[in-house]
Amino acid sequence: MRIHWFSPLPPAHTGIAEYTRRLLPSLRARAEVTLWTTQERWAYSLKRLAEVRRFDPRALPAELREGAVFYNIGNNSQYHAAIWEAARQAPGFAIMHDAFMHDSVAHSYQVRHDRPAYLALMQSLYGPRGRRDAEIYWEGGLTIPQMGRRYTCAPYILDTSLGAVAHSRMAARALRREADLPVIEMPLPYPARRRPAPHDGPPPWRLVVFGYLGSNRCLDQTLTALASSRDPRAFHLHIYGDIENRAPLLAAIERLQIQDLVTVHGFVPEVDLDRALAAAHLAINLRFPTKGEASYSQLRIWSHALPSLVSRIGWYAELPEDAAAFVRPNALVEDLAAHLDRYAAAPARYIETGQAGHRYFVETHSPAKYAAALIEMARHAHEYRDRWYASLLADRAAEALAGWFDPSTFPAYAGHLGQAIRLP
């Protein structure tokens, strides 16, 4: 079995690169894997498990027709724009790490200052209303969250996909609603480690936030909640990862006068982040708004049996009640401050949520099961591909014949035509 795997690779600063690195041993045990990247450098250790090759999305190799192709799709155009373009050239399976892609798609046009192409895309996907909202958004009249809630841009990303993999019920529903292709829901994989020791100990308790820290990670609300808790000095907040807007973060820390309660570490190597999580007492892993993603960060938190606070939205709202402590999106500061106060009064209650989260994680997020499911999809790639080409032929034939029939009766003719072409 041959697998072509398009993904960011370590040391790229993205969780999807780490997802690929951690999944690769289970995938490689079942198939011959070629990793495809546009990066100029990647972790040398990957070569022990798979061949690594660079690709140009404008000139994809013919060998992609052999075996099954998987495209890892995320919401950061820096790492995924070339993969989106490749996915639109050669049919394959899309692993949708994010279902709500509008802001990333729009950003790819904004950096090129290509307003006409962006407006044309939105009109082709969503009609006159999509174009009107796109015009307003381009001029600053609609925000990223407002557009993201209305338009996923999934039909654009999945235009030539044979099928899609989603990691949450919310994402699977959104993709099935907008894309006419098979969507399979599977829990995001992460290898388990030995059962960690409980995260107990005296104050000051170490709070940790990590990952790619964009506007939806609620850092401002987290700082405000820390400052407004009953005993802020019982905690110390450590912030790890690439920060989208560092200056406002530092200004908020100074404005709230909590400089000695917060340490901004920035991006650190994986081994250093693991040490930090092992030594932490409570993780804060918020998303608002959500883009339909499952959280690789949350799996990493659970792998350490670390207690965590999460937003009750999207994938996080699907989690068991005892696996994390929840924060309402419309009451972020209030709920965060209340959790900090409750933690200070009774840490043991939160420690148990970390242990329950670890049990759930081990039972649910097995890389071996995930890899086996992908291989099963790959075995049927030719069937998916035949179905896709039949659908394409049906659509083109219907377009060619549209002028030959009365508009009121054409849908019935088109339906019969499509059914005939798709028959095995």
Protein backbone atom coordinates (compact mmCIF):
# COMPACT_ATOMS: atom_id res chain seq x y z
CA MET A 1 0.00 0.00 0.00
CA ARG A 2 1.39 3.40 -1.07
CA ILE A 3 0.44 6.56 0.82
CA HIS A 4 1.25 10.08 -0.39
CA TRP A 5 1.06 12.38 2.64
CA PHE A 6 0.98 16.19 2.19
CA SER A 7 1.60 17.99 5.46
CA PRO A 8 3.69 20.60 7.26
CA LEU A 9 6.67 18.85 8.85
CA PRO A 10 8.72 19.56 11.98
CA PRO A 11 10.27 21.99 12.77
CA ALA A 12 7.33 24.02 11.36
CA HIS A 13 5.58 25.84 14.22
CA THR A 14 2.23 24.13 13.83
CA GLY A 15 0.46 21.34 15.67
CA ILE A 16 -0.26 19.59 12.36
CA ALA A 17 3.46 19.05 11.84
CA GLU A 18 3.61 17.38 15.25
CA TYR A 19 0.46 15.37 14.46
CA THR A 20 2.21 13.99 11.37
CA ARG A 21 5.39 13.20 13.30
CA ARG A 22 3.52 11.34 16.04
CA LEU A 23 1.19 9.48 13.67
CA LEU A 24 3.90 8.44 11.22
CA PRO A 25 5.16 5.32 13.10
CA SER A 26 1.63 3.84 13.17
CA LEU A 27 1.02 4.77 9.53
CA ARG A 28 4.41 3.52 8.37
CA ALA A 29 3.82 0.16 10.10
CA ARG A 30 0.92 -0.42 7.68
CA ALA A 31 2.02 1.23 4.42
CA GLU A 32 4.84 2.71 2.38
CA VAL A 33 4.65 6.46 3.03
CA THR A 34 6.03 9.39 1.05
CA LEU A 35 5.93 12.76 2.80
CA TRP A 36 5.40 15.77 0.51
CA THR A 37 6.34 19.29 1.61
CA THR A 38 7.25 22.74 0.29
CA GLN A 39 9.61 23.34 3.23
CA GLU A 40 13.31 23.78 2.55
CA ARG A 41 14.23 21.85 5.69
CA TRP A 42 12.61 19.28 7.95
CA ALA A 43 13.51 17.09 10.90
CA TYR A 44 16.14 14.58 9.81
CA SER A 45 14.57 11.90 12.04
CA LEU A 46 11.61 11.67 9.64
CA LYS A 47 13.83 10.07 7.00
CA ARG A 48 14.10 6.92 9.12
CA LEU A 49 10.41 6.29 8.57
CA ALA A 50 9.54 7.76 5.18
CA GLU A 51 10.91 9.35 2.04
CA VAL A 52 10.55 13.14 2.14
CA ARG A 53 10.07 14.98 -1.14
CA ARG A 54 9.37 18.57 -2.08
CA PHE A 55 6.50 19.49 -4.39
CA ASP A 56 5.40 22.35 -6.59
CA PRO A 57 1.58 22.61 -6.61
CA ARG A 58 1.74 23.87 -10.20
CA ALA A 59 3.56 20.74 -11.43
CA LEU A 60 2.54 17.70 -9.41
CA PRO A 61 4.19 14.37 -10.28
CA ALA A 62 2.24 11.69 -12.17
CA GLU A 63 3.10 9.13 -9.48
CA LEU A 64 0.36 10.59 -7.27
CA ARG A 65 -2.03 8.47 -9.33
CA GLU A 66 -0.45 5.40 -7.72
CA GLY A 67 -1.76 4.62 -4.24
CA ALA A 68 -3.78 7.04 -2.11
CA VAL A 69 -3.18 10.75 -1.51
CA PHE A 70 -3.95 12.49 1.80
CA TYR A 71 -3.88 16.27 2.16
CA ASN A 72 -3.65 17.75 5.67
CA ILE A 73 -5.70 20.96 5.63
CA GLY A 74 -5.36 23.60 8.35
CA ASN A 75 -6.33 27.22 8.81
CA ASN A 76 -2.85 28.79 8.60
CA SER A 77 -2.21 29.78 4.99
CA GLN A 78 1.52 30.10 5.71
CA TYR A 79 1.74 26.32 6.04
CA HIS A 80 -1.24 25.13 4.02
CA ALA A 81 -1.83 27.37 0.97
CA ALA A 82 0.38 25.18 -1.25
CA ILE A 83 -1.36 22.05 0.06
CA TRP A 84 -4.80 23.56 -0.75
CA GLU A 85 -3.58 24.27 -4.27
CA ALA A 86 -2.19 20.75 -4.69
CA ALA A 87 -5.44 19.23 -3.39
CA ARG A 88 -7.33 21.12 -6.08
CA GLN A 89 -5.07 19.66 -8.80
CA ALA A 90 -4.89 15.95 -7.89
CA PRO A 91 -7.91 14.22 -6.30
CA GLY A 92 -7.26 12.78 -2.85
CA PHE A 93 -8.59 12.60 0.69
CA ALA A 94 -8.68 15.82 2.73
CA ILE A 95 -7.91 15.59 6.45
CA MET A 96 -9.73 18.70 7.65
CA HIS A 97 -8.03 19.84 10.84
CA ASP A 98 -10.22 22.95 10.57
CA ALA A 99 -13.65 23.08 8.96
CA PHE A 100 -14.18 26.86 8.97
CA MET A 101 -11.58 28.13 6.52
CA HIS A 102 -12.85 31.52 5.34
CA ASP A 103 -10.35 33.74 7.14
CA SER A 104 -7.38 31.70 5.92
CA VAL A 105 -8.66 31.59 2.34
CA ALA A 106 -9.36 35.34 2.44
CA HIS A 107 -5.92 36.02 3.91
CA SER A 108 -4.27 34.19 1.00
CA TYR A 109 -5.93 36.71 -1.35
CA GLN A 110 -5.25 39.70 0.90
CA VAL A 111 -1.50 39.10 1.00
CA ARG A 112 -1.57 39.14 -2.82
CA HIS A 113 -3.84 42.21 -2.81
CA ASP A 114 -6.13 40.31 -5.18
CA ARG A 115 -9.55 41.69 -4.30
CA PRO A 116 -11.21 40.80 -7.65
CA ALA A 117 -10.26 37.11 -7.40
CA TYR A 118 -11.49 36.91 -3.77
CA LEU A 119 -14.83 38.51 -4.65
CA ALA A 120 -15.22 36.21 -7.66
CA LEU A 121 -14.54 33.17 -5.47
CA MET A 122 -17.10 34.18 -2.87
CA GLN A 123 -19.70 34.82 -5.56
CA SER A 124 -19.05 31.44 -7.16
CA LEU A 125 -19.44 29.70 -3.79
CA TYR A 126 -22.25 31.69 -2.18
CA GLY A 127 -23.89 33.83 -4.84
CA PRO A 128 -24.66 37.58 -4.72
CA ARG A 129 -24.94 37.65 -0.93
CA GLY A 130 -21.52 36.04 -0.57
CA ARG A 131 -19.98 38.64 -2.87
CA ARG A 132 -21.71 41.53 -1.06
CA ASP A 133 -20.49 40.35 2.36
CA ALA A 134 -17.03 39.76 0.91
CA GLU A 135 -16.92 43.36 -0.32
CA ILE A 136 -17.95 44.62 3.12
CA TYR A 137 -15.38 42.35 4.80
CA TRP A 138 -12.58 43.51 2.49
CA GLU A 139 -13.33 47.12 3.44
CA GLY A 140 -13.37 46.29 7.17
CA GLY A 141 -17.13 46.34 7.70
CA LEU A 142 -17.39 42.68 8.78
CA THR A 143 -15.05 40.95 11.21
CA ILE A 144 -13.22 37.64 10.80
CA PRO A 145 -15.56 35.87 13.28
CA GLN A 146 -18.67 37.22 11.54
CA MET A 147 -17.53 35.95 8.14
CA GLY A 148 -16.25 32.69 9.60
CA ARG A 149 -19.64 31.85 11.09
CA ARG A 150 -21.41 32.47 7.76
CA TYR A 151 -18.98 30.96 5.25
CA THR A 152 -16.74 27.91 5.70
CA CYS A 153 -15.26 28.00 2.16
CA ALA A 154 -15.26 24.19 2.42
CA PRO A 155 -16.60 23.78 -1.16
CA TYR A 156 -13.50 25.60 -2.43
CA ILE A 157 -11.05 23.56 -0.38
CA LEU A 158 -12.81 20.27 -1.15
CA ASP A 159 -13.57 20.93 -4.81
CA THR A 160 -11.64 17.89 -6.07
CA SER A 161 -11.57 15.79 -2.89
CA LEU A 162 -12.57 12.14 -2.94
CA GLY A 163 -13.61 12.28 0.71
CA ALA A 164 -12.86 14.12 3.93
CA VAL A 165 -11.83 13.25 7.48
CA ALA A 166 -13.16 15.40 10.34
CA HIS A 167 -12.13 15.24 13.99
CA SER A 168 -15.34 16.44 15.63
CA ARG A 169 -19.09 16.09 15.19
CA MET A 170 -19.38 19.85 14.66
CA ALA A 171 -16.82 19.79 11.84
CA ALA A 172 -18.37 16.71 10.22
CA ARG A 173 -21.83 18.34 10.23
CA ALA A 174 -20.47 21.54 8.67
CA LEU A 175 -18.63 19.67 5.93
CA ARG A 176 -21.58 17.40 5.11
CA ARG A 177 -23.84 20.44 4.89
CA GLU A 178 -21.65 22.23 2.35
CA ALA A 179 -19.71 19.54 0.48
CA ASP A 180 -21.18 16.73 -1.60
CA LEU A 181 -18.70 13.99 -0.69
CA PRO A 182 -18.20 11.27 1.96
CA VAL A 183 -17.15 12.68 5.35
CA ILE A 184 -15.71 10.33 7.97
CA GLU A 185 -15.46 11.39 11.61
CA MET A 186 -12.50 10.05 13.59
CA PRO A 187 -10.94 11.12 16.93
CA LEU A 188 -7.69 13.02 16.50
CA PRO A 189 -4.77 10.67 17.36
CA TYR A 190 -2.00 11.18 19.91
CA PRO A 191 0.34 8.55 21.39
CA ALA A 192 -0.13 7.85 25.09
CA ARG A 193 2.70 8.01 27.60
CA ARG A 194 2.99 6.26 30.92
CA ARG A 195 0.38 7.42 33.39
CA PRO A 196 1.80 10.66 34.79
CA ALA A 197 1.83 11.59 38.46
CA PRO A 198 -0.90 13.94 39.74
CA HIS A 199 -0.19 17.64 39.27
CA ASP A 200 -0.29 18.60 42.93
CA GLY A 201 1.88 20.85 45.05
CA PRO A 202 1.75 24.16 46.95
CA PRO A 203 1.23 27.64 45.50
CA PRO A 204 2.16 29.55 43.51
CA TRP A 205 0.41 27.22 41.07
CA ARG A 206 1.71 27.21 37.50
CA LEU A 207 -0.88 28.08 34.85
CA VAL A 208 0.07 27.35 31.25
CA VAL A 209 -1.18 28.48 27.83
CA PHE A 210 0.53 27.23 24.68
CA GLY A 211 0.21 26.76 20.93
CA TYR A 212 -0.33 29.19 18.10
CA LEU A 213 -1.82 32.11 20.03
CA GLY A 214 -4.13 34.02 17.73
CA SER A 215 -7.09 36.25 18.53
CA ASN A 216 -9.38 33.29 19.25
CA ARG A 217 -7.19 32.03 22.11
CA CYS A 218 -8.66 34.60 24.53
CA LEU A 219 -5.37 35.79 26.05
CA ASP A 220 -6.75 39.20 27.03
CA GLN A 221 -9.64 37.59 28.93
CA THR A 222 -7.25 35.16 30.59
CA LEU A 223 -5.05 38.00 31.85
CA THR A 224 -8.09 39.94 33.07
CA ALA A 225 -9.41 36.88 34.93
CA LEU A 226 -6.06 36.32 36.62
CA ALA A 227 -5.91 39.94 37.73
CA SER A 228 -9.49 39.86 39.04
CA SER A 229 -9.25 36.56 40.96
CA ARG A 230 -9.33 36.71 44.76
CA ASP A 231 -5.64 35.87 45.15
CA PRO A 232 -3.75 36.48 41.90
CA ARG A 233 -0.41 35.83 43.61
CA ALA A 234 -1.42 32.23 44.22
CA PHE A 235 -0.77 31.67 40.51
CA HIS A 236 1.89 32.31 37.88
CA LEU A 237 0.90 32.24 34.20
CA HIS A 238 3.38 30.86 31.65
CA ILE A 239 2.68 31.58 27.96
CA TYR A 240 4.37 29.39 25.31
CA GLY A 241 4.08 29.59 21.53
CA ASP A 242 3.97 31.93 18.57
CA ILE A 243 1.92 35.01 19.49
CA GLU A 244 -0.04 36.65 16.69
CA ASN A 245 -0.04 40.11 18.29
CA ARG A 246 2.67 40.36 20.94
CA ALA A 247 2.51 44.13 21.57
CA PRO A 248 -1.15 44.21 22.77
CA LEU A 249 -0.43 41.22 25.03
CA LEU A 250 2.50 42.95 26.72
CA ALA A 251 0.47 46.16 27.00
CA ALA A 252 -2.38 44.31 28.72
CA ILE A 253 0.02 42.72 31.20
CA GLU A 254 1.37 46.15 32.07
CA ARG A 255 -2.08 47.75 32.22
CA LEU A 256 -3.31 45.09 34.65
CA GLN A 257 -0.10 45.42 36.71
CA ILE A 258 0.61 41.67 36.70
CA GLN A 259 4.11 41.78 35.24
CA ASP A 260 5.49 39.63 38.06
CA LEU A 261 2.68 37.06 37.64
CA VAL A 262 3.15 36.35 33.92
CA THR A 263 6.10 34.99 31.93
CA VAL A 264 5.97 35.12 28.12
CA HIS A 265 8.32 32.41 26.83
CA GLY A 266 7.44 32.49 23.12
CA PHE A 267 8.05 29.42 20.98
CA VAL A 268 10.17 26.72 22.67
CA PRO A 269 11.41 23.28 21.53
CA GLU A 270 9.09 20.32 22.04
CA VAL A 271 11.18 18.86 24.85
CA ASP A 272 11.03 22.14 26.78
CA LEU A 273 7.27 22.39 26.34
CA ASP A 274 6.84 18.83 27.61
CA ARG A 275 8.85 19.71 30.72
CA ALA A 276 6.68 22.76 31.26
CA LEU A 277 3.46 20.74 30.99
CA ALA A 278 4.80 18.08 33.34
CA ALA A 279 5.53 20.78 35.93
CA ALA A 280 2.29 22.76 35.48
CA HIS A 281 -0.80 22.62 37.69
CA LEU A 282 -3.53 23.90 35.36
CA ALA A 283 -3.74 24.44 31.58
CA ILE A 284 -5.96 27.07 29.97
CA ASN A 285 -6.99 25.99 26.46
CA LEU A 286 -9.69 28.34 25.16
CA ARG A 287 -11.08 28.87 21.66
CA PHE A 288 -13.58 31.59 20.79
CA PRO A 289 -14.65 31.63 18.12
CA THR A 290 -13.91 28.04 17.14
CA LYS A 291 -13.07 27.04 13.57
CA GLY A 292 -14.45 23.54 14.01
CA GLU A 293 -11.10 22.12 14.97
CA ALA A 294 -10.30 19.38 17.43
CA SER A 295 -7.47 20.44 19.72
CA TYR A 296 -4.10 18.77 19.40
CA SER A 297 -3.10 20.94 22.34
CA GLN A 298 -5.84 19.34 24.45
CA LEU A 299 -4.56 15.86 23.64
CA ARG A 300 -1.11 16.94 24.71
CA ILE A 301 -2.55 18.31 27.95
CA TRP A 302 -4.38 15.04 28.63
CA SER A 303 -1.25 13.01 27.87
CA HIS A 304 0.23 14.65 30.97
CA ALA A 305 -2.99 14.15 33.02
CA LEU A 306 -2.91 17.92 33.44
CA PRO A 307 -6.16 19.59 34.60
CA SER A 308 -7.52 22.04 32.05
CA LEU A 309 -10.04 24.79 31.46
CA VAL A 310 -11.71 24.70 28.03
CA SER A 311 -14.39 26.64 26.16
CA ARG A 312 -17.82 25.00 26.00
CA ILE A 313 -18.04 25.34 22.23
CA GLY A 314 -17.47 23.20 19.13
CA TRP A 315 -15.38 20.07 19.71
CA TYR A 316 -14.78 21.03 23.34
CA ALA A 317 -18.52 20.97 24.05
CA GLU A 318 -18.53 17.32 22.92
CA LEU A 319 -16.07 16.27 25.66
CA PRO A 320 -17.12 14.25 28.74
CA GLU A 321 -18.10 16.47 31.66
CA ASP A 322 -15.44 14.98 33.94
CA ALA A 323 -12.52 15.27 31.47
CA ALA A 324 -12.05 19.06 31.81
CA ALA A 325 -13.53 22.13 33.48
CA PHE A 326 -15.65 24.28 31.19
CA VAL A 327 -15.87 28.02 30.52
CA ARG A 328 -18.87 29.65 28.86
CA PRO A 329 -17.88 31.63 25.75
CA ASN A 330 -20.17 34.52 26.71
CA ALA A 331 -18.78 34.70 30.27
CA LEU A 332 -15.07 34.06 29.79
CA VAL A 333 -13.62 36.41 32.40
CA GLU A 334 -16.28 35.61 35.00
CA ASP A 335 -15.93 31.84 34.63
CA LEU A 336 -12.13 31.85 34.44
CA ALA A 337 -11.83 33.91 37.61
CA ALA A 338 -14.34 31.63 39.37
CA HIS A 339 -12.34 28.54 38.36
CA LEU A 340 -9.13 30.06 39.69
CA ASP A 341 -10.84 30.81 42.99
CA ARG A 342 -12.25 27.28 43.19
CA TYR A 343 -8.89 25.78 42.32
CA ALA A 344 -7.23 27.73 45.13
CA ALA A 345 -9.88 26.44 47.55
CA ALA A 346 -9.84 22.77 46.42
CA PRO A 347 -7.10 21.74 43.93
CA ALA A 348 -7.94 18.03 44.32
CA ARG A 349 -11.19 18.43 42.39
CA TYR A 350 -9.29 19.74 39.37
CA ILE A 351 -6.51 17.16 39.69
CA GLU A 352 -9.17 14.46 39.29
CA THR A 353 -10.40 16.04 36.03
CA GLY A 354 -6.85 15.75 34.69
CA GLN A 355 -6.74 12.06 35.58
CA ALA A 356 -10.21 11.47 34.08
CA GLY A 357 -9.11 13.31 30.94
CA HIS A 358 -6.08 11.04 30.69
CA ARG A 359 -8.27 7.92 30.93
CA TYR A 360 -10.60 9.23 28.21
CA PHE A 361 -7.61 10.20 26.04
CA VAL A 362 -6.04 6.73 26.22
CA GLU A 363 -9.35 5.02 25.37
CA THR A 364 -10.31 7.33 22.50
CA HIS A 365 -7.30 8.79 20.69
CA SER A 366 -5.24 5.79 19.61
CA PRO A 367 -2.83 6.44 16.68
CA ALA A 368 -2.98 2.73 15.77
CA LYS A 369 -6.77 2.78 15.34
CA TYR A 370 -6.61 6.06 13.43
CA ALA A 371 -3.91 4.80 11.07
CA ALA A 372 -5.85 1.57 10.47
CA ALA A 373 -8.92 3.62 9.48
CA LEU A 374 -6.87 5.71 7.04
CA ILE A 375 -5.41 2.58 5.48
CA GLU A 376 -8.93 1.20 5.04
CA MET A 377 -9.85 4.41 3.18
CA ALA A 378 -6.70 4.09 1.08
CA ARG A 379 -7.58 0.52 0.08
CA HIS A 380 -10.78 1.84 -1.48
CA ALA A 381 -9.16 4.89 -3.10
CA HIS A 382 -9.83 3.58 -6.60
CA GLU A 383 -13.56 3.27 -5.81
CA TYR A 384 -13.67 6.81 -4.43
CA ARG A 385 -11.74 8.02 -7.49
CA ASP A 386 -14.09 6.27 -9.94
CA ARG A 387 -17.09 7.78 -8.14
CA TRP A 388 -15.49 11.24 -8.27
CA TYR A 389 -14.76 11.03 -12.01
CA ALA A 390 -18.28 9.74 -12.69
CA SER A 391 -19.71 12.67 -10.75
CA LEU A 392 -17.49 15.08 -12.68
CA LEU A 393 -18.61 13.63 -16.01
CA ALA A 394 -22.26 13.81 -14.94
CA ASP A 395 -21.91 17.48 -13.97
CA ARG A 396 -20.15 18.38 -17.23
CA ALA A 397 -22.66 16.47 -19.34
CA ALA A 398 -25.53 18.17 -17.52
CA GLU A 399 -23.97 21.59 -18.15
CA ALA A 400 -23.52 20.81 -21.85
CA LEU A 401 -27.13 19.70 -22.24
CA ALA A 402 -28.70 22.45 -20.16
CA GLY A 403 -29.74 24.51 -23.18
CA TRP A 404 -31.54 21.60 -24.83
CA PHE A 405 -34.35 21.25 -22.30
CA ASP A 406 -37.12 23.33 -20.87
CA PRO A 407 -35.74 24.80 -17.59
CA SER A 408 -38.73 23.49 -15.63
CA THR A 409 -38.09 19.88 -16.71
CA PHE A 410 -34.29 19.90 -16.90
CA PRO A 411 -33.65 18.80 -13.26
CA ALA A 412 -35.41 15.49 -13.95
CA TYR A 413 -33.34 14.88 -17.08
CA ALA A 414 -30.14 15.83 -15.22
CA GLY A 415 -31.01 13.46 -12.39
CA HIS A 416 -31.49 10.52 -14.77
CA LEU A 417 -28.26 11.42 -16.57
CA GLY A 418 -26.24 11.59 -13.37
CA GLN A 419 -27.65 8.31 -12.13
CA ALA A 420 -26.77 6.58 -15.41
CA ILE A 421 -23.19 7.82 -15.43
CA ARG A 422 -22.63 6.90 -11.78
CA LEU A 423 -23.89 3.34 -12.20
CA PRO A 424 -21.07 0.80 -11.60
